[in-house]
Amino acid sequence: MAMKRGVCRFGLWRVHVSWSGDTVYRVLFSKTGEGGDVPPEFRLYFSGKPINFGRLNSTGTEEGSPFAEIYREVLKIPYGQTATYGDIADLTGTNPRMVGNAMKRNPTPIIIPCHRVVSKSGIGGFTPDVEIKKLLLAMENANKSGN
């Protein structure tokens, strides 16, 4: 199956998605990019709908991926809720710094909802801009009653 690429909007941000079939290979945020087809779950999610990405797979959770166990735990964080880096570290037998490294290298944010992993003393980071994380958490918090 051929690789597809598309762009949808989230506020002032453009969300670039690369996928083939039901596997998403990359999700990137940028300030530029033209629209195009993306899997329908992305448009629903970014319109504020508390949807489940269950049909879509991420390359980060495949066996052999260095952070697969961490990513699988992060997938369990429900829409509109958060867990700390320490919580995920405890569940995976690692440490909060390793969880932070995994989140920084997440190939498919939103599918693997790394924005739901926060610091015990604040919001933590998000690439390319922590403002995206704040917007995602605010959107989910405002819409979680529909989940």
C-alpha atoms as a PDB file:
ATOM      1  CA  MET A   1       0.000   0.000   0.000  1.00  0.00           C
ATOM      2  CA  ALA A   2       1.289   3.450  -0.866  1.00  0.00           C
ATOM      3  CA  MET A   3       2.178   5.996   1.797  1.00  0.00           C
ATOM      4  CA  LYS A   4      -0.337   8.822   2.046  1.00  0.00           C
ATOM      5  CA  ARG A   5       0.252  12.290   3.436  1.00  0.00           C
ATOM      6  CA  GLY A   6      -2.244  14.909   4.440  1.00  0.00           C
ATOM      7  CA  VAL A   7      -2.643  18.017   6.574  1.00  0.00           C
ATOM      8  CA  CYS A   8      -5.457  19.161   8.835  1.00  0.00           C
ATOM      9  CA  ARG A   9      -5.770  22.145  11.137  1.00  0.00           C
ATOM     10  CA  PHE A  10      -5.734  22.525  14.893  1.00  0.00           C
ATOM     11  CA  GLY A  11      -6.226  26.202  15.629  1.00  0.00           C
ATOM     12  CA  LEU A  12      -3.292  28.053  14.093  1.00  0.00           C
ATOM     13  CA  TRP A  13      -1.305  24.807  13.766  1.00  0.00           C
ATOM     14  CA  ARG A  14      -1.118  22.401  10.841  1.00  0.00           C
ATOM     15  CA  VAL A  15      -1.046  18.700  11.642  1.00  0.00           C
ATOM     16  CA  HIS A  16       0.857  16.633   9.084  1.00  0.00           C
ATOM     17  CA  VAL A  17      -0.091  12.942   9.000  1.00  0.00           C
ATOM     18  CA  SER A  18       1.714  10.161   7.106  1.00  0.00           C
ATOM     19  CA  TRP A  19      -0.055   6.799   6.958  1.00  0.00           C
ATOM     20  CA  SER A  20      -0.670   3.673   4.940  1.00  0.00           C
ATOM     21  CA  GLY A  21      -3.813   1.639   5.512  1.00  0.00           C
ATOM     22  CA  ASP A  22      -4.485   1.591   9.246  1.00  0.00           C
ATOM     23  CA  THR A  23      -0.889   2.357  10.258  1.00  0.00           C
ATOM     24  CA  VAL A  24       0.144   5.916  11.054  1.00  0.00           C
ATOM     25  CA  TYR A  25       3.876   6.476  10.641  1.00  0.00           C
ATOM     26  CA  ARG A  26       4.293  10.131  11.555  1.00  0.00           C
ATOM     27  CA  VAL A  27       2.323  13.026  13.014  1.00  0.00           C
ATOM     28  CA  LEU A  28       4.002  16.444  13.018  1.00  0.00           C
ATOM     29  CA  PHE A  29       2.823  19.889  14.032  1.00  0.00           C
ATOM     30  CA  SER A  30       3.953  22.961  12.104  1.00  0.00           C
ATOM     31  CA  LYS A  31       2.813  26.493  11.364  1.00  0.00           C
ATOM     32  CA  THR A  32       2.618  25.863   7.611  1.00  0.00           C
ATOM     33  CA  GLY A  33       1.138  23.328   5.248  1.00  0.00           C
ATOM     34  CA  GLU A  34      -1.733  22.932   2.854  1.00  0.00           C
ATOM     35  CA  GLY A  35      -4.773  20.807   3.644  1.00  0.00           C
ATOM     36  CA  GLY A  36      -5.475  17.376   2.315  1.00  0.00           C
ATOM     37  CA  ASP A  37      -6.956  14.053   3.245  1.00  0.00           C
ATOM     38  CA  VAL A  38      -6.081  12.589   6.641  1.00  0.00           C
ATOM     39  CA  PRO A  39      -7.680   9.611   8.381  1.00  0.00           C
ATOM     40  CA  PRO A  40     -11.161  10.833   9.460  1.00  0.00           C
ATOM     41  CA  GLU A  41     -10.377  10.273  13.141  1.00  0.00           C
ATOM     42  CA  PHE A  42      -7.956  13.217  13.065  1.00  0.00           C
ATOM     43  CA  ARG A  43     -10.525  15.700  11.774  1.00  0.00           C
ATOM     44  CA  LEU A  44     -13.056  14.496  14.347  1.00  0.00           C
ATOM     45  CA  TYR A  45     -10.531  14.695  17.173  1.00  0.00           C
ATOM     46  CA  PHE A  46      -9.353  18.195  16.263  1.00  0.00           C
ATOM     47  CA  SER A  47     -12.964  19.369  16.021  1.00  0.00           C
ATOM     48  CA  GLY A  48     -13.280  18.500  19.725  1.00  0.00           C
ATOM     49  CA  LYS A  49     -14.932  15.095  19.472  1.00  0.00           C
ATOM     50  CA  PRO A  50     -13.759  12.607  22.134  1.00  0.00           C
ATOM     51  CA  ILE A  51     -13.037   9.808  19.683  1.00  0.00           C
ATOM     52  CA  ASN A  52     -11.112   6.558  19.883  1.00  0.00           C
ATOM     53  CA  PHE A  53      -8.131   6.074  17.574  1.00  0.00           C
ATOM     54  CA  GLY A  54      -8.316   2.298  18.157  1.00  0.00           C
ATOM     55  CA  ARG A  55      -8.598   1.434  14.463  1.00  0.00           C
ATOM     56  CA  LEU A  56      -5.291   3.142  13.752  1.00  0.00           C
ATOM     57  CA  ASN A  57      -1.939   1.647  14.693  1.00  0.00           C
ATOM     58  CA  SER A  58       1.255   3.530  15.477  1.00  0.00           C
ATOM     59  CA  THR A  59       4.685   2.408  14.419  1.00  0.00           C
ATOM     60  CA  GLY A  60       5.923   3.293  17.923  1.00  0.00           C
ATOM     61  CA  THR A  61       4.036   0.449  19.620  1.00  0.00           C
ATOM     62  CA  GLU A  62       5.453  -2.344  17.459  1.00  0.00           C
ATOM     63  CA  GLU A  63       7.506  -5.040  19.158  1.00  0.00           C
ATOM     64  CA  GLY A  64      11.156  -4.112  18.970  1.00  0.00           C
ATOM     65  CA  SER A  65      10.485  -0.378  19.146  1.00  0.00           C
ATOM     66  CA  PRO A  66      12.680   0.986  21.943  1.00  0.00           C
ATOM     67  CA  PHE A  67       9.807   2.667  23.810  1.00  0.00           C
ATOM     68  CA  ALA A  68       6.964   0.281  22.880  1.00  0.00           C
ATOM     69  CA  GLU A  69       6.105  -0.633  26.486  1.00  0.00           C
ATOM     70  CA  ILE A  70       5.978   3.030  27.527  1.00  0.00           C
ATOM     71  CA  TYR A  71       3.836   3.935  24.506  1.00  0.00           C
ATOM     72  CA  ARG A  72       1.406   1.082  25.237  1.00  0.00           C
ATOM     73  CA  GLU A  73       0.893   2.442  28.776  1.00  0.00           C
ATOM     74  CA  VAL A  74       0.368   5.973  27.481  1.00  0.00           C
ATOM     75  CA  LEU A  75      -2.320   4.629  25.106  1.00  0.00           C
ATOM     76  CA  LYS A  76      -4.329   3.633  28.198  1.00  0.00           C
ATOM     77  CA  ILE A  77      -4.655   7.221  29.496  1.00  0.00           C
ATOM     78  CA  PRO A  78      -8.306   8.158  28.878  1.00  0.00           C
ATOM     79  CA  TYR A  79      -9.421  11.202  26.918  1.00  0.00           C
ATOM     80  CA  GLY A  80      -9.473  14.258  29.163  1.00  0.00           C
ATOM     81  CA  GLN A  81      -7.224  12.724  31.819  1.00  0.00           C
ATOM     82  CA  THR A  82      -3.510  12.879  32.535  1.00  0.00           C
ATOM     83  CA  ALA A  83      -0.797  10.775  34.164  1.00  0.00           C
ATOM     84  CA  THR A  84       2.624  11.905  35.332  1.00  0.00           C
ATOM     85  CA  TYR A  85       5.947  10.838  33.892  1.00  0.00           C
ATOM     86  CA  GLY A  86       6.480   9.098  37.252  1.00  0.00           C
ATOM     87  CA  ASP A  87       3.167   7.216  36.993  1.00  0.00           C
ATOM     88  CA  ILE A  88       4.128   5.814  33.595  1.00  0.00           C
ATOM     89  CA  ALA A  89       7.659   5.038  34.836  1.00  0.00           C
ATOM     90  CA  ASP A  90       6.245   3.046  37.770  1.00  0.00           C
ATOM     91  CA  LEU A  91       3.968   1.064  35.449  1.00  0.00           C
ATOM     92  CA  THR A  92       6.815   0.220  33.061  1.00  0.00           C
ATOM     93  CA  GLY A  93       9.647  -0.326  35.548  1.00  0.00           C
ATOM     94  CA  THR A  94      11.729   2.547  34.248  1.00  0.00           C
ATOM     95  CA  ASN A  95      12.282   6.145  35.365  1.00  0.00           C
ATOM     96  CA  PRO A  96      10.565   9.478  34.620  1.00  0.00           C
ATOM     97  CA  ARG A  97      13.490  10.707  32.502  1.00  0.00           C
ATOM     98  CA  MET A  98      13.177   7.661  30.214  1.00  0.00           C
ATOM     99  CA  VAL A  99       9.435   8.323  29.892  1.00  0.00           C
ATOM    100  CA  GLY A 100      10.200  11.948  28.980  1.00  0.00           C
ATOM    101  CA  ASN A 101      12.679  10.785  26.341  1.00  0.00           C
ATOM    102  CA  ALA A 102      10.046   8.441  24.912  1.00  0.00           C
ATOM    103  CA  MET A 103       7.486  11.243  24.759  1.00  0.00           C
ATOM    104  CA  LYS A 104       9.974  13.538  23.021  1.00  0.00           C
ATOM    105  CA  ARG A 105      10.625  10.854  20.382  1.00  0.00           C
ATOM    106  CA  ASN A 106       6.974   9.829  19.937  1.00  0.00           C
ATOM    107  CA  PRO A 107       6.513   9.387  16.170  1.00  0.00           C
ATOM    108  CA  THR A 108       2.734   9.705  16.347  1.00  0.00           C
ATOM    109  CA  PRO A 109       1.504  12.238  18.895  1.00  0.00           C
ATOM    110  CA  ILE A 110      -2.287  12.192  19.226  1.00  0.00           C
ATOM    111  CA  ILE A 111      -2.394   8.468  18.331  1.00  0.00           C
ATOM    112  CA  ILE A 112      -0.019   7.897  21.272  1.00  0.00           C
ATOM    113  CA  PRO A 113      -1.395  10.731  23.428  1.00  0.00           C
ATOM    114  CA  CYS A 114       1.865  12.025  24.877  1.00  0.00           C
ATOM    115  CA  HIS A 115       0.176  15.354  25.602  1.00  0.00           C
ATOM    116  CA  ARG A 116      -1.626  13.523  28.448  1.00  0.00           C
ATOM    117  CA  VAL A 117       1.684  12.852  30.230  1.00  0.00           C
ATOM    118  CA  VAL A 118       2.549  15.717  32.561  1.00  0.00           C
ATOM    119  CA  SER A 119       5.164  16.593  35.132  1.00  0.00           C
ATOM    120  CA  LYS A 120       4.275  16.209  38.800  1.00  0.00           C
ATOM    121  CA  SER A 121       5.043  19.917  39.180  1.00  0.00           C
ATOM    122  CA  GLY A 122       3.603  21.302  35.945  1.00  0.00           C
ATOM    123  CA  ILE A 123       2.661  20.567  32.388  1.00  0.00           C
ATOM    124  CA  GLY A 124       6.009  19.263  31.102  1.00  0.00           C
ATOM    125  CA  GLY A 125       7.195  19.671  27.534  1.00  0.00           C
ATOM    126  CA  PHE A 126       5.831  19.135  24.042  1.00  0.00           C
ATOM    127  CA  THR A 127       7.536  19.304  20.658  1.00  0.00           C
ATOM    128  CA  PRO A 128       7.477  21.670  18.806  1.00  0.00           C
ATOM    129  CA  ASP A 129       5.701  23.980  21.297  1.00  0.00           C
ATOM    130  CA  VAL A 130       4.255  23.432  24.777  1.00  0.00           C
ATOM    131  CA  GLU A 131       1.337  25.709  23.798  1.00  0.00           C
ATOM    132  CA  ILE A 132       0.029  22.832  21.635  1.00  0.00           C
ATOM    133  CA  LYS A 133      -0.046  20.583  24.701  1.00  0.00           C
ATOM    134  CA  LYS A 134      -1.946  23.230  26.663  1.00  0.00           C
ATOM    135  CA  LEU A 135      -4.477  23.594  23.837  1.00  0.00           C
ATOM    136  CA  LEU A 136      -4.943  19.824  23.479  1.00  0.00           C
ATOM    137  CA  LEU A 137      -5.487  19.344  27.216  1.00  0.00           C
ATOM    138  CA  ALA A 138      -7.902  22.279  27.369  1.00  0.00           C
ATOM    139  CA  MET A 139      -9.874  20.935  24.396  1.00  0.00           C
ATOM    140  CA  GLU A 140     -10.108  17.463  25.926  1.00  0.00           C
ATOM    141  CA  ASN A 141     -11.028  18.831  29.339  1.00  0.00           C
ATOM    142  CA  ALA A 142     -13.821  20.926  27.806  1.00  0.00           C
ATOM    143  CA  ASN A 143     -15.214  17.966  25.845  1.00  0.00           C
ATOM    144  CA  LYS A 144     -14.591  14.964  28.125  1.00  0.00           C
ATOM    145  CA  SER A 145     -18.175  14.791  29.365  1.00  0.00           C
ATOM    146  CA  GLY A 146     -19.124  13.493  25.925  1.00  0.00           C
ATOM    147  CA  ASN A 147     -16.724  10.568  26.197  1.00  0.00           C
END
